[in-house]
Amino acid sequence: MKLFHRINSLVLVIILFAVAGCTSQKPTASQSFKVGTWKTAQTIQPFYYSEYLPEGDTIEVLPFTNPGDQKTALLAGNLNMCGTTWVTAITAASNDEPVKVVASMTEKCSALVVASDSGIDSTADLKGKRIAYVPGTMHHILLLEALQKAGLDSSNDVTLIQIDFFDMGQALANKQIDAFCSGEPYPSIAVKEGYGKILEYPYYDDSIGFINAGMLVTEKEIKENPEGVQALVNAHIKATTFLQENKDAWLKKSAEFGTDLAVLEQGVDNMVVAWDLTPETIQQVKNLANRMFELGIIRKIPDIDAMIDLQFLKYAPK
């Protein structure tokens, strides 16, 4: 009997120590995040992250108009994560900048637009014309590809003018340019308001497909705060899945950025929100890097497998 009581007392002591150990552990500290993105329907996910982050975590979403500016802010430590075009990510990796892509963000979205009264009916008709573009974007690469397929030299047969996406429509309407290659909603706005028409949707063949943009973090962020990166990736997946399954809510929320809902509905088939990085996607990114090298946009082809970090998608709850 005494032995029985001693055993029970020992078990009780062990339990008390275990409980004391659990209660003495400090709770995980809440985090505050800063994430950069564009104010477009296809890059809207960060504006939903607050609904899916752990309780107590907060987020500030900072809108940008240029992917290069987002990457610069990220490297400066002013952002924890940002959207980026695959072109920007590949260029950064080619320059040995410490960046990692941890999720996909968007696909498709590009269109080559000309003035509705221009008489331009094919890409070949752009010879001698002024075309607006933003360097470091998929739209830039797609424009170069479209011109090449049409037999035009981008250096000699056309004049490429660097204009921000937000200003392209006005420049086209005012006859300052003859065409622009941009992402949605600007092509659909041009069509809806009557001053532009879609010349073509300049997509690659299956070797590169519809890839467009992903989510970028720094190597330092991964090393110093992997839990934070995981929380953001988890939120990105959940936000994207919600938008994929609720198109009306997606477009209605996107209209709050100032684009008419009818315009978004017109361009919805040219917009895709995404999160997964499949083996096919990764191969397409590799093919894009090879093409960028051939076009002289990068001086060396980076290690794409090293640039893409799949660990956070692997452990994210689906």
C-alpha atoms as a PDB file:
ATOM      1  CA  MET A   1       0.000   0.000   0.000  1.00  0.00           C
ATOM      2  CA  LYS A   2       2.837   2.375   0.914  1.00  0.00           C
ATOM      3  CA  LEU A   3       4.503   1.541  -2.407  1.00  0.00           C
ATOM      4  CA  PHE A   4       1.227   2.291  -4.180  1.00  0.00           C
ATOM      5  CA  HIS A   5       0.973   5.701  -2.496  1.00  0.00           C
ATOM      6  CA  ARG A   6       4.588   6.487  -3.340  1.00  0.00           C
ATOM      7  CA  ILE A   7       4.024   5.634  -7.006  1.00  0.00           C
ATOM      8  CA  ASN A   8       0.905   7.812  -7.100  1.00  0.00           C
ATOM      9  CA  SER A   9       2.777  10.662  -5.443  1.00  0.00           C
ATOM     10  CA  LEU A  10       5.588  10.316  -7.986  1.00  0.00           C
ATOM     11  CA  VAL A  11       3.118  10.379 -10.883  1.00  0.00           C
ATOM     12  CA  LEU A  12       1.440  13.451  -9.384  1.00  0.00           C
ATOM     13  CA  VAL A  13       4.791  15.242  -9.083  1.00  0.00           C
ATOM     14  CA  ILE A  14       5.633  14.423 -12.711  1.00  0.00           C
ATOM     15  CA  ILE A  15       2.257  15.751 -13.862  1.00  0.00           C
ATOM     16  CA  LEU A  16       2.664  18.937 -11.840  1.00  0.00           C
ATOM     17  CA  PHE A  17       6.122  19.526 -13.298  1.00  0.00           C
ATOM     18  CA  ALA A  18       4.776  18.949 -16.807  1.00  0.00           C
ATOM     19  CA  VAL A  19       1.910  21.376 -16.261  1.00  0.00           C
ATOM     20  CA  ALA A  20       4.254  23.935 -14.739  1.00  0.00           C
ATOM     21  CA  GLY A  21       6.576  23.535 -17.709  1.00  0.00           C
ATOM     22  CA  CYS A  22       3.746  24.089 -20.175  1.00  0.00           C
ATOM     23  CA  THR A  23       2.345  27.109 -18.394  1.00  0.00           C
ATOM     24  CA  SER A  24       5.769  28.673 -18.001  1.00  0.00           C
ATOM     25  CA  GLN A  25       6.376  28.691 -21.782  1.00  0.00           C
ATOM     26  CA  LYS A  26       6.003  32.115 -23.317  1.00  0.00           C
ATOM     27  CA  PRO A  27       3.247  32.421 -25.923  1.00  0.00           C
ATOM     28  CA  THR A  28       4.314  33.082 -29.501  1.00  0.00           C
ATOM     29  CA  ALA A  29       4.687  36.825 -29.978  1.00  0.00           C
ATOM     30  CA  SER A  30       2.383  38.534 -32.416  1.00  0.00           C
ATOM     31  CA  GLN A  31       3.969  39.875 -35.582  1.00  0.00           C
ATOM     32  CA  SER A  32       3.453  42.938 -37.747  1.00  0.00           C
ATOM     33  CA  PHE A  33       4.010  42.500 -41.477  1.00  0.00           C
ATOM     34  CA  LYS A  34       4.477  44.837 -44.409  1.00  0.00           C
ATOM     35  CA  VAL A  35       3.646  43.436 -47.836  1.00  0.00           C
ATOM     36  CA  GLY A  36       3.902  45.149 -51.220  1.00  0.00           C
ATOM     37  CA  THR A  37       1.623  44.545 -54.193  1.00  0.00           C
ATOM     38  CA  TRP A  38      -0.201  46.267 -57.056  1.00  0.00           C
ATOM     39  CA  LYS A  39      -3.782  47.534 -56.820  1.00  0.00           C
ATOM     40  CA  THR A  40      -5.130  45.224 -59.517  1.00  0.00           C
ATOM     41  CA  ALA A  41      -7.580  42.341 -59.460  1.00  0.00           C
ATOM     42  CA  GLN A  42      -4.923  39.768 -60.300  1.00  0.00           C
ATOM     43  CA  THR A  43      -2.605  40.912 -57.487  1.00  0.00           C
ATOM     44  CA  ILE A  44      -5.215  41.566 -54.810  1.00  0.00           C
ATOM     45  CA  GLN A  45      -4.450  38.667 -52.443  1.00  0.00           C
ATOM     46  CA  PRO A  46      -2.378  40.633 -49.867  1.00  0.00           C
ATOM     47  CA  PHE A  47      -5.406  42.833 -49.184  1.00  0.00           C
ATOM     48  CA  TYR A  48      -7.085  39.678 -47.810  1.00  0.00           C
ATOM     49  CA  TYR A  49      -4.184  38.394 -45.710  1.00  0.00           C
ATOM     50  CA  SER A  50      -5.444  40.016 -42.497  1.00  0.00           C
ATOM     51  CA  GLU A  51      -8.402  37.635 -42.540  1.00  0.00           C
ATOM     52  CA  TYR A  52      -6.149  34.581 -42.531  1.00  0.00           C
ATOM     53  CA  LEU A  53      -3.142  35.533 -40.394  1.00  0.00           C
ATOM     54  CA  PRO A  54      -2.760  34.108 -36.847  1.00  0.00           C
ATOM     55  CA  GLU A  55      -4.738  35.947 -34.181  1.00  0.00           C
ATOM     56  CA  GLY A  56      -2.887  39.025 -33.003  1.00  0.00           C
ATOM     57  CA  ASP A  57      -0.798  39.420 -36.159  1.00  0.00           C
ATOM     58  CA  THR A  58      -1.248  42.634 -38.135  1.00  0.00           C
ATOM     59  CA  ILE A  59      -0.394  43.635 -41.686  1.00  0.00           C
ATOM     60  CA  GLU A  60       0.106  46.810 -43.688  1.00  0.00           C
ATOM     61  CA  VAL A  61      -0.346  46.389 -47.427  1.00  0.00           C
ATOM     62  CA  LEU A  62       1.619  48.926 -49.447  1.00  0.00           C
ATOM     63  CA  PRO A  63       0.578  49.526 -53.078  1.00  0.00           C
ATOM     64  CA  PHE A  64       3.233  49.963 -55.782  1.00  0.00           C
ATOM     65  CA  THR A  65       3.062  50.631 -59.498  1.00  0.00           C
ATOM     66  CA  ASN A  66       6.364  49.043 -60.514  1.00  0.00           C
ATOM     67  CA  PRO A  67       7.746  45.573 -59.687  1.00  0.00           C
ATOM     68  CA  GLY A  68      11.290  46.903 -59.533  1.00  0.00           C
ATOM     69  CA  ASP A  69      10.310  49.363 -56.801  1.00  0.00           C
ATOM     70  CA  GLN A  70       8.770  46.550 -54.769  1.00  0.00           C
ATOM     71  CA  LYS A  71      11.923  44.466 -55.019  1.00  0.00           C
ATOM     72  CA  THR A  72      14.068  47.459 -54.019  1.00  0.00           C
ATOM     73  CA  ALA A  73      11.896  48.071 -50.949  1.00  0.00           C
ATOM     74  CA  LEU A  74      12.098  44.386 -50.056  1.00  0.00           C
ATOM     75  CA  LEU A  75      15.898  44.301 -50.265  1.00  0.00           C
ATOM     76  CA  ALA A  76      16.084  47.483 -48.197  1.00  0.00           C
ATOM     77  CA  GLY A  77      14.205  45.735 -45.395  1.00  0.00           C
ATOM     78  CA  ASN A  78      11.082  47.862 -45.745  1.00  0.00           C
ATOM     79  CA  LEU A  79       8.874  44.898 -46.692  1.00  0.00           C
ATOM     80  CA  ASN A  80       8.566  41.344 -45.415  1.00  0.00           C
ATOM     81  CA  MET A  81       7.182  40.098 -48.721  1.00  0.00           C
ATOM     82  CA  CYS A  82       6.115  41.535 -52.061  1.00  0.00           C
ATOM     83  CA  GLY A  83       4.640  40.628 -55.381  1.00  0.00           C
ATOM     84  CA  THR A  84       7.097  40.355 -58.242  1.00  0.00           C
ATOM     85  CA  THR A  85       7.046  39.512 -61.907  1.00  0.00           C
ATOM     86  CA  TRP A  86       8.956  36.407 -62.867  1.00  0.00           C
ATOM     87  CA  VAL A  87      11.110  38.634 -65.047  1.00  0.00           C
ATOM     88  CA  THR A  88      12.046  40.775 -62.034  1.00  0.00           C
ATOM     89  CA  ALA A  89      12.765  37.720 -59.888  1.00  0.00           C
ATOM     90  CA  ILE A  90      14.939  36.102 -62.565  1.00  0.00           C
ATOM     91  CA  THR A  91      16.819  39.343 -63.154  1.00  0.00           C
ATOM     92  CA  ALA A  92      17.437  39.750 -59.421  1.00  0.00           C
ATOM     93  CA  ALA A  93      18.706  36.181 -59.096  1.00  0.00           C
ATOM     94  CA  SER A  94      20.889  36.673 -62.162  1.00  0.00           C
ATOM     95  CA  ASN A  95      22.450  39.661 -60.385  1.00  0.00           C
ATOM     96  CA  ASP A  96      23.086  37.492 -57.290  1.00  0.00           C
ATOM     97  CA  GLU A  97      20.555  39.400 -55.200  1.00  0.00           C
ATOM     98  CA  PRO A  98      19.403  37.379 -52.145  1.00  0.00           C
ATOM     99  CA  VAL A  99      15.774  36.754 -53.113  1.00  0.00           C
ATOM    100  CA  LYS A 100      13.493  33.716 -53.035  1.00  0.00           C
ATOM    101  CA  VAL A 101      10.112  33.120 -54.670  1.00  0.00           C
ATOM    102  CA  VAL A 102       7.858  31.264 -52.213  1.00  0.00           C
ATOM    103  CA  ALA A 103       4.523  31.145 -54.074  1.00  0.00           C
ATOM    104  CA  SER A 104       2.882  31.965 -57.363  1.00  0.00           C
ATOM    105  CA  MET A 105       0.647  35.036 -57.547  1.00  0.00           C
ATOM    106  CA  THR A 106      -0.948  35.526 -60.946  1.00  0.00           C
ATOM    107  CA  GLU A 107      -1.058  34.206 -64.501  1.00  0.00           C
ATOM    108  CA  LYS A 108      -2.115  35.612 -67.894  1.00  0.00           C
ATOM    109  CA  CYS A 109      -3.291  39.295 -67.744  1.00  0.00           C
ATOM    110  CA  SER A 110      -1.334  40.713 -70.730  1.00  0.00           C
ATOM    111  CA  ALA A 111      -2.665  42.366 -73.885  1.00  0.00           C
ATOM    112  CA  LEU A 112      -1.219  44.408 -76.740  1.00  0.00           C
ATOM    113  CA  VAL A 113      -3.473  47.423 -77.310  1.00  0.00           C
ATOM    114  CA  VAL A 114      -3.653  49.942 -80.170  1.00  0.00           C
ATOM    115  CA  ALA A 115      -5.819  52.993 -80.797  1.00  0.00           C
ATOM    116  CA  SER A 116      -9.261  51.992 -82.013  1.00  0.00           C
ATOM    117  CA  ASP A 117      -9.006  54.357 -85.004  1.00  0.00           C
ATOM    118  CA  SER A 118      -5.374  53.588 -85.830  1.00  0.00           C
ATOM    119  CA  GLY A 119      -5.986  51.284 -88.765  1.00  0.00           C
ATOM    120  CA  ILE A 120      -3.511  48.852 -87.192  1.00  0.00           C
ATOM    121  CA  ASP A 121      -4.880  45.353 -87.680  1.00  0.00           C
ATOM    122  CA  SER A 122      -1.837  43.149 -87.102  1.00  0.00           C
ATOM    123  CA  THR A 123       1.335  43.271 -85.057  1.00  0.00           C
ATOM    124  CA  ALA A 124       3.308  43.668 -88.299  1.00  0.00           C
ATOM    125  CA  ASP A 125       1.463  46.972 -88.805  1.00  0.00           C
ATOM    126  CA  LEU A 126       3.314  48.366 -85.773  1.00  0.00           C
ATOM    127  CA  LYS A 127       6.415  49.038 -87.867  1.00  0.00           C
ATOM    128  CA  GLY A 128       7.454  52.654 -87.311  1.00  0.00           C
ATOM    129  CA  LYS A 129       5.050  53.043 -84.380  1.00  0.00           C
ATOM    130  CA  ARG A 130       5.547  54.161 -80.757  1.00  0.00           C
ATOM    131  CA  ILE A 131       4.842  51.462 -78.169  1.00  0.00           C
ATOM    132  CA  ALA A 132       4.675  51.971 -74.403  1.00  0.00           C
ATOM    133  CA  TYR A 133       6.035  49.345 -72.023  1.00  0.00           C
ATOM    134  CA  VAL A 134       7.362  48.845 -68.491  1.00  0.00           C
ATOM    135  CA  PRO A 135      10.760  47.144 -68.310  1.00  0.00           C
ATOM    136  CA  GLY A 136      11.241  44.186 -66.008  1.00  0.00           C
ATOM    137  CA  THR A 137       7.747  42.809 -66.520  1.00  0.00           C
ATOM    138  CA  MET A 138       6.298  39.820 -68.318  1.00  0.00           C
ATOM    139  CA  HIS A 139       4.516  42.290 -70.571  1.00  0.00           C
ATOM    140  CA  HIS A 140       7.903  43.594 -71.723  1.00  0.00           C
ATOM    141  CA  ILE A 141       9.097  40.111 -72.656  1.00  0.00           C
ATOM    142  CA  LEU A 142       5.803  39.256 -74.309  1.00  0.00           C
ATOM    143  CA  LEU A 143       5.980  42.461 -76.354  1.00  0.00           C
ATOM    144  CA  LEU A 144       9.466  41.574 -77.583  1.00  0.00           C
ATOM    145  CA  GLU A 145       8.256  38.090 -78.489  1.00  0.00           C
ATOM    146  CA  ALA A 146       5.217  39.433 -80.361  1.00  0.00           C
ATOM    147  CA  LEU A 147       7.361  41.861 -82.352  1.00  0.00           C
ATOM    148  CA  GLN A 148       9.867  39.164 -83.211  1.00  0.00           C
ATOM    149  CA  LYS A 149       7.141  36.782 -84.370  1.00  0.00           C
ATOM    150  CA  ALA A 150       5.820  39.570 -86.600  1.00  0.00           C
ATOM    151  CA  GLY A 151       9.250  40.043 -88.150  1.00  0.00           C
ATOM    152  CA  LEU A 152       9.943  43.368 -86.426  1.00  0.00           C
ATOM    153  CA  ASP A 153      13.203  44.430 -84.796  1.00  0.00           C
ATOM    154  CA  SER A 154      12.427  46.004 -81.421  1.00  0.00           C
ATOM    155  CA  SER A 155      15.501  48.252 -81.682  1.00  0.00           C
ATOM    156  CA  ASN A 156      15.068  49.518 -85.236  1.00  0.00           C
ATOM    157  CA  ASP A 157      11.521  48.937 -86.499  1.00  0.00           C
ATOM    158  CA  VAL A 158       9.583  50.445 -83.581  1.00  0.00           C
ATOM    159  CA  THR A 159      10.141  53.028 -80.862  1.00  0.00           C
ATOM    160  CA  LEU A 160       9.741  51.638 -77.350  1.00  0.00           C
ATOM    161  CA  ILE A 161       8.776  54.245 -74.774  1.00  0.00           C
ATOM    162  CA  GLN A 162       8.894  53.583 -71.031  1.00  0.00           C
ATOM    163  CA  ILE A 163       5.588  54.686 -69.488  1.00  0.00           C
ATOM    164  CA  ASP A 164       3.989  53.560 -66.240  1.00  0.00           C
ATOM    165  CA  PHE A 165       0.997  51.260 -66.612  1.00  0.00           C
ATOM    166  CA  PHE A 166      -1.337  53.814 -65.027  1.00  0.00           C
ATOM    167  CA  ASP A 167      -0.457  56.404 -67.679  1.00  0.00           C
ATOM    168  CA  MET A 168      -0.528  54.252 -70.811  1.00  0.00           C
ATOM    169  CA  GLY A 169      -4.239  54.637 -71.519  1.00  0.00           C
ATOM    170  CA  GLN A 170      -4.125  58.416 -71.359  1.00  0.00           C
ATOM    171  CA  ALA A 171      -1.052  58.479 -73.589  1.00  0.00           C
ATOM    172  CA  LEU A 172      -2.846  56.305 -76.155  1.00  0.00           C
ATOM    173  CA  ALA A 173      -6.019  58.390 -76.027  1.00  0.00           C
ATOM    174  CA  ASN A 174      -3.958  61.572 -76.511  1.00  0.00           C
ATOM    175  CA  LYS A 175      -2.082  60.062 -79.488  1.00  0.00           C
ATOM    176  CA  GLN A 176       1.248  60.298 -77.673  1.00  0.00           C
ATOM    177  CA  ILE A 177       1.780  56.624 -78.412  1.00  0.00           C
ATOM    178  CA  ASP A 178       0.367  54.198 -80.960  1.00  0.00           C
ATOM    179  CA  ALA A 179       0.211  51.094 -78.795  1.00  0.00           C
ATOM    180  CA  PHE A 180       0.954  49.685 -75.361  1.00  0.00           C
ATOM    181  CA  CYS A 181       1.532  46.266 -73.852  1.00  0.00           C
ATOM    182  CA  SER A 182       0.122  46.043 -70.362  1.00  0.00           C
ATOM    183  CA  GLY A 183      -1.660  43.915 -67.831  1.00  0.00           C
ATOM    184  CA  GLU A 184      -5.310  44.153 -66.910  1.00  0.00           C
ATOM    185  CA  PRO A 185      -7.371  46.189 -66.258  1.00  0.00           C
ATOM    186  CA  TYR A 186      -5.808  48.769 -68.597  1.00  0.00           C
ATOM    187  CA  PRO A 187      -6.490  46.899 -71.859  1.00  0.00           C
ATOM    188  CA  SER A 188     -10.130  46.388 -70.872  1.00  0.00           C
ATOM    189  CA  ILE A 189     -10.433  50.043 -69.816  1.00  0.00           C
ATOM    190  CA  ALA A 190      -9.170  51.146 -73.230  1.00  0.00           C
ATOM    191  CA  VAL A 191     -11.736  48.952 -74.951  1.00  0.00           C
ATOM    192  CA  LYS A 192     -14.579  49.923 -72.621  1.00  0.00           C
ATOM    193  CA  GLU A 193     -13.917  53.663 -73.033  1.00  0.00           C
ATOM    194  CA  GLY A 194     -13.644  53.330 -76.797  1.00  0.00           C
ATOM    195  CA  TYR A 195     -10.158  54.677 -77.468  1.00  0.00           C
ATOM    196  CA  GLY A 196      -8.425  51.293 -77.758  1.00  0.00           C
ATOM    197  CA  LYS A 197      -8.774  47.811 -79.166  1.00  0.00           C
ATOM    198  CA  ILE A 198      -7.004  44.533 -78.394  1.00  0.00           C
ATOM    199  CA  LEU A 199      -4.502  43.740 -81.122  1.00  0.00           C
ATOM    200  CA  GLU A 200      -3.484  40.418 -79.590  1.00  0.00           C
ATOM    201  CA  TYR A 201      -3.000  38.536 -76.339  1.00  0.00           C
ATOM    202  CA  PRO A 202       0.748  37.930 -76.670  1.00  0.00           C
ATOM    203  CA  TYR A 203       1.265  34.692 -74.826  1.00  0.00           C
ATOM    204  CA  TYR A 204       4.068  32.188 -75.182  1.00  0.00           C
ATOM    205  CA  ASP A 205       3.646  28.664 -76.385  1.00  0.00           C
ATOM    206  CA  ASP A 206       3.414  25.858 -73.828  1.00  0.00           C
ATOM    207  CA  SER A 207       7.147  26.049 -73.084  1.00  0.00           C
ATOM    208  CA  ILE A 208       6.510  29.166 -70.971  1.00  0.00           C
ATOM    209  CA  GLY A 209       2.743  29.348 -70.914  1.00  0.00           C
ATOM    210  CA  PHE A 210       0.829  31.907 -68.868  1.00  0.00           C
ATOM    211  CA  ILE A 211       3.226  32.508 -65.948  1.00  0.00           C
ATOM    212  CA  ASN A 212       3.305  36.116 -64.785  1.00  0.00           C
ATOM    213  CA  ALA A 213       4.130  36.903 -61.142  1.00  0.00           C
ATOM    214  CA  GLY A 214       4.952  35.387 -57.752  1.00  0.00           C
ATOM    215  CA  MET A 215       5.569  36.281 -54.105  1.00  0.00           C
ATOM    216  CA  LEU A 216       9.113  37.322 -53.180  1.00  0.00           C
ATOM    217  CA  VAL A 217      11.004  37.327 -49.873  1.00  0.00           C
ATOM    218  CA  THR A 218      14.661  37.717 -48.968  1.00  0.00           C
ATOM    219  CA  GLU A 219      17.020  34.988 -47.807  1.00  0.00           C
ATOM    220  CA  LYS A 220      17.446  36.989 -44.603  1.00  0.00           C
ATOM    221  CA  GLU A 221      13.694  36.907 -43.915  1.00  0.00           C
ATOM    222  CA  ILE A 222      13.629  33.144 -44.342  1.00  0.00           C
ATOM    223  CA  LYS A 223      16.617  32.685 -42.053  1.00  0.00           C
ATOM    224  CA  GLU A 224      15.521  35.075 -39.310  1.00  0.00           C
ATOM    225  CA  ASN A 225      11.739  34.667 -39.406  1.00  0.00           C
ATOM    226  CA  PRO A 226      10.640  31.427 -41.080  1.00  0.00           C
ATOM    227  CA  GLU A 227       7.466  31.367 -38.958  1.00  0.00           C
ATOM    228  CA  GLY A 228       6.488  34.761 -40.346  1.00  0.00           C
ATOM    229  CA  VAL A 229       7.109  33.688 -43.922  1.00  0.00           C
ATOM    230  CA  GLN A 230       5.043  30.571 -43.314  1.00  0.00           C
ATOM    231  CA  ALA A 231       2.178  32.660 -41.891  1.00  0.00           C
ATOM    232  CA  LEU A 232       2.210  34.905 -44.963  1.00  0.00           C
ATOM    233  CA  VAL A 233       2.316  31.974 -47.390  1.00  0.00           C
ATOM    234  CA  ASN A 234      -0.547  30.293 -45.529  1.00  0.00           C
ATOM    235  CA  ALA A 235      -2.573  33.510 -45.791  1.00  0.00           C
ATOM    236  CA  HIS A 236      -1.698  33.819 -49.478  1.00  0.00           C
ATOM    237  CA  ILE A 237      -2.980  30.316 -50.234  1.00  0.00           C
ATOM    238  CA  LYS A 238      -6.200  30.835 -48.300  1.00  0.00           C
ATOM    239  CA  ALA A 239      -6.834  34.261 -49.868  1.00  0.00           C
ATOM    240  CA  THR A 240      -6.180  32.947 -53.368  1.00  0.00           C
ATOM    241  CA  THR A 241      -8.420  29.933 -52.857  1.00  0.00           C
ATOM    242  CA  PHE A 242     -11.238  32.157 -51.611  1.00  0.00           C
ATOM    243  CA  LEU A 243     -10.931  34.435 -54.657  1.00  0.00           C
ATOM    244  CA  GLN A 244     -10.841  31.474 -57.049  1.00  0.00           C
ATOM    245  CA  GLU A 245     -14.024  30.111 -55.534  1.00  0.00           C
ATOM    246  CA  ASN A 246     -15.865  33.457 -55.208  1.00  0.00           C
ATOM    247  CA  LYS A 247     -15.503  35.358 -58.483  1.00  0.00           C
ATOM    248  CA  ASP A 248     -18.231  37.900 -57.714  1.00  0.00           C
ATOM    249  CA  ALA A 249     -16.642  38.827 -54.375  1.00  0.00           C
ATOM    250  CA  TRP A 250     -13.227  39.011 -56.051  1.00  0.00           C
ATOM    251  CA  LEU A 251     -14.366  41.432 -58.733  1.00  0.00           C
ATOM    252  CA  LYS A 252     -16.464  43.517 -56.345  1.00  0.00           C
ATOM    253  CA  LYS A 253     -13.481  43.969 -54.009  1.00  0.00           C
ATOM    254  CA  SER A 254     -11.222  44.765 -56.970  1.00  0.00           C
ATOM    255  CA  ALA A 255     -13.628  47.486 -58.084  1.00  0.00           C
ATOM    256  CA  GLU A 256     -12.769  49.336 -54.852  1.00  0.00           C
ATOM    257  CA  PHE A 257      -9.405  50.129 -56.453  1.00  0.00           C
ATOM    258  CA  GLY A 258     -11.251  52.481 -58.817  1.00  0.00           C
ATOM    259  CA  THR A 259     -11.872  50.258 -61.830  1.00  0.00           C
ATOM    260  CA  ASP A 260     -15.468  49.986 -62.985  1.00  0.00           C
ATOM    261  CA  LEU A 261     -16.990  46.580 -62.265  1.00  0.00           C
ATOM    262  CA  ALA A 262     -18.099  46.260 -65.910  1.00  0.00           C
ATOM    263  CA  VAL A 263     -14.469  46.647 -67.003  1.00  0.00           C
ATOM    264  CA  LEU A 264     -13.346  43.907 -64.615  1.00  0.00           C
ATOM    265  CA  GLU A 265     -16.108  41.612 -65.843  1.00  0.00           C
ATOM    266  CA  GLN A 266     -14.980  42.241 -69.409  1.00  0.00           C
ATOM    267  CA  GLY A 267     -11.370  41.338 -68.632  1.00  0.00           C
ATOM    268  CA  VAL A 268     -11.962  38.508 -66.150  1.00  0.00           C
ATOM    269  CA  ASP A 269     -11.105  35.761 -68.653  1.00  0.00           C
ATOM    270  CA  ASN A 270      -7.664  37.333 -69.028  1.00  0.00           C
ATOM    271  CA  MET A 271      -6.946  37.355 -65.270  1.00  0.00           C
ATOM    272  CA  VAL A 272      -5.903  34.469 -63.034  1.00  0.00           C
ATOM    273  CA  VAL A 273      -4.958  34.476 -59.341  1.00  0.00           C
ATOM    274  CA  ALA A 274      -2.624  31.658 -58.317  1.00  0.00           C
ATOM    275  CA  TRP A 275      -0.515  30.266 -55.483  1.00  0.00           C
ATOM    276  CA  ASP A 276       0.974  26.900 -56.454  1.00  0.00           C
ATOM    277  CA  LEU A 277       4.437  26.283 -57.882  1.00  0.00           C
ATOM    278  CA  THR A 278       4.092  22.993 -59.732  1.00  0.00           C
ATOM    279  CA  PRO A 279       6.928  21.159 -61.502  1.00  0.00           C
ATOM    280  CA  GLU A 280       5.421  22.434 -64.767  1.00  0.00           C
ATOM    281  CA  THR A 281       5.494  26.024 -63.480  1.00  0.00           C
ATOM    282  CA  ILE A 282       9.120  25.693 -62.414  1.00  0.00           C
ATOM    283  CA  GLN A 283      10.105  24.313 -65.812  1.00  0.00           C
ATOM    284  CA  GLN A 284       8.307  27.229 -67.486  1.00  0.00           C
ATOM    285  CA  VAL A 285      10.265  29.656 -65.297  1.00  0.00           C
ATOM    286  CA  LYS A 286      13.479  27.958 -66.379  1.00  0.00           C
ATOM    287  CA  ASN A 287      12.437  28.276 -70.014  1.00  0.00           C
ATOM    288  CA  LEU A 288      11.679  31.958 -69.453  1.00  0.00           C
ATOM    289  CA  ALA A 289      15.139  32.500 -67.958  1.00  0.00           C
ATOM    290  CA  ASN A 290      16.713  30.897 -71.018  1.00  0.00           C
ATOM    291  CA  ARG A 291      14.658  33.141 -73.283  1.00  0.00           C
ATOM    292  CA  MET A 292      15.634  36.257 -71.316  1.00  0.00           C
ATOM    293  CA  PHE A 293      19.275  35.289 -71.762  1.00  0.00           C
ATOM    294  CA  GLU A 294      18.774  34.864 -75.508  1.00  0.00           C
ATOM    295  CA  LEU A 295      17.138  38.305 -75.671  1.00  0.00           C
ATOM    296  CA  GLY A 296      20.080  39.855 -73.814  1.00  0.00           C
ATOM    297  CA  ILE A 297      17.964  40.948 -70.838  1.00  0.00           C
ATOM    298  CA  ILE A 298      20.165  39.004 -68.403  1.00  0.00           C
ATOM    299  CA  ARG A 299      23.865  38.239 -68.711  1.00  0.00           C
ATOM    300  CA  LYS A 300      23.717  34.857 -67.008  1.00  0.00           C
ATOM    301  CA  ILE A 301      21.032  32.277 -66.323  1.00  0.00           C
ATOM    302  CA  PRO A 302      20.469  31.910 -62.573  1.00  0.00           C
ATOM    303  CA  ASP A 303      19.850  28.681 -60.699  1.00  0.00           C
ATOM    304  CA  ILE A 304      16.044  28.638 -60.796  1.00  0.00           C
ATOM    305  CA  ASP A 305      15.799  25.695 -58.371  1.00  0.00           C
ATOM    306  CA  ALA A 306      17.753  27.749 -55.838  1.00  0.00           C
ATOM    307  CA  MET A 307      15.683  30.886 -56.528  1.00  0.00           C
ATOM    308  CA  ILE A 308      12.398  29.076 -55.789  1.00  0.00           C
ATOM    309  CA  ASP A 309      11.872  27.917 -52.191  1.00  0.00           C
ATOM    310  CA  LEU A 310       9.100  25.322 -51.940  1.00  0.00           C
ATOM    311  CA  GLN A 311       9.328  24.572 -48.222  1.00  0.00           C
ATOM    312  CA  PHE A 312       6.562  26.976 -47.218  1.00  0.00           C
ATOM    313  CA  LEU A 313       4.097  25.569 -49.748  1.00  0.00           C
ATOM    314  CA  LYS A 314       5.032  22.072 -48.617  1.00  0.00           C
ATOM    315  CA  TYR A 315       4.081  22.751 -45.007  1.00  0.00           C
ATOM    316  CA  ALA A 316       1.132  25.054 -45.624  1.00  0.00           C
ATOM    317  CA  PRO A 317      -2.297  23.694 -44.661  1.00  0.00           C
ATOM    318  CA  LYS A 318      -4.319  23.200 -47.834  1.00  0.00           C
END
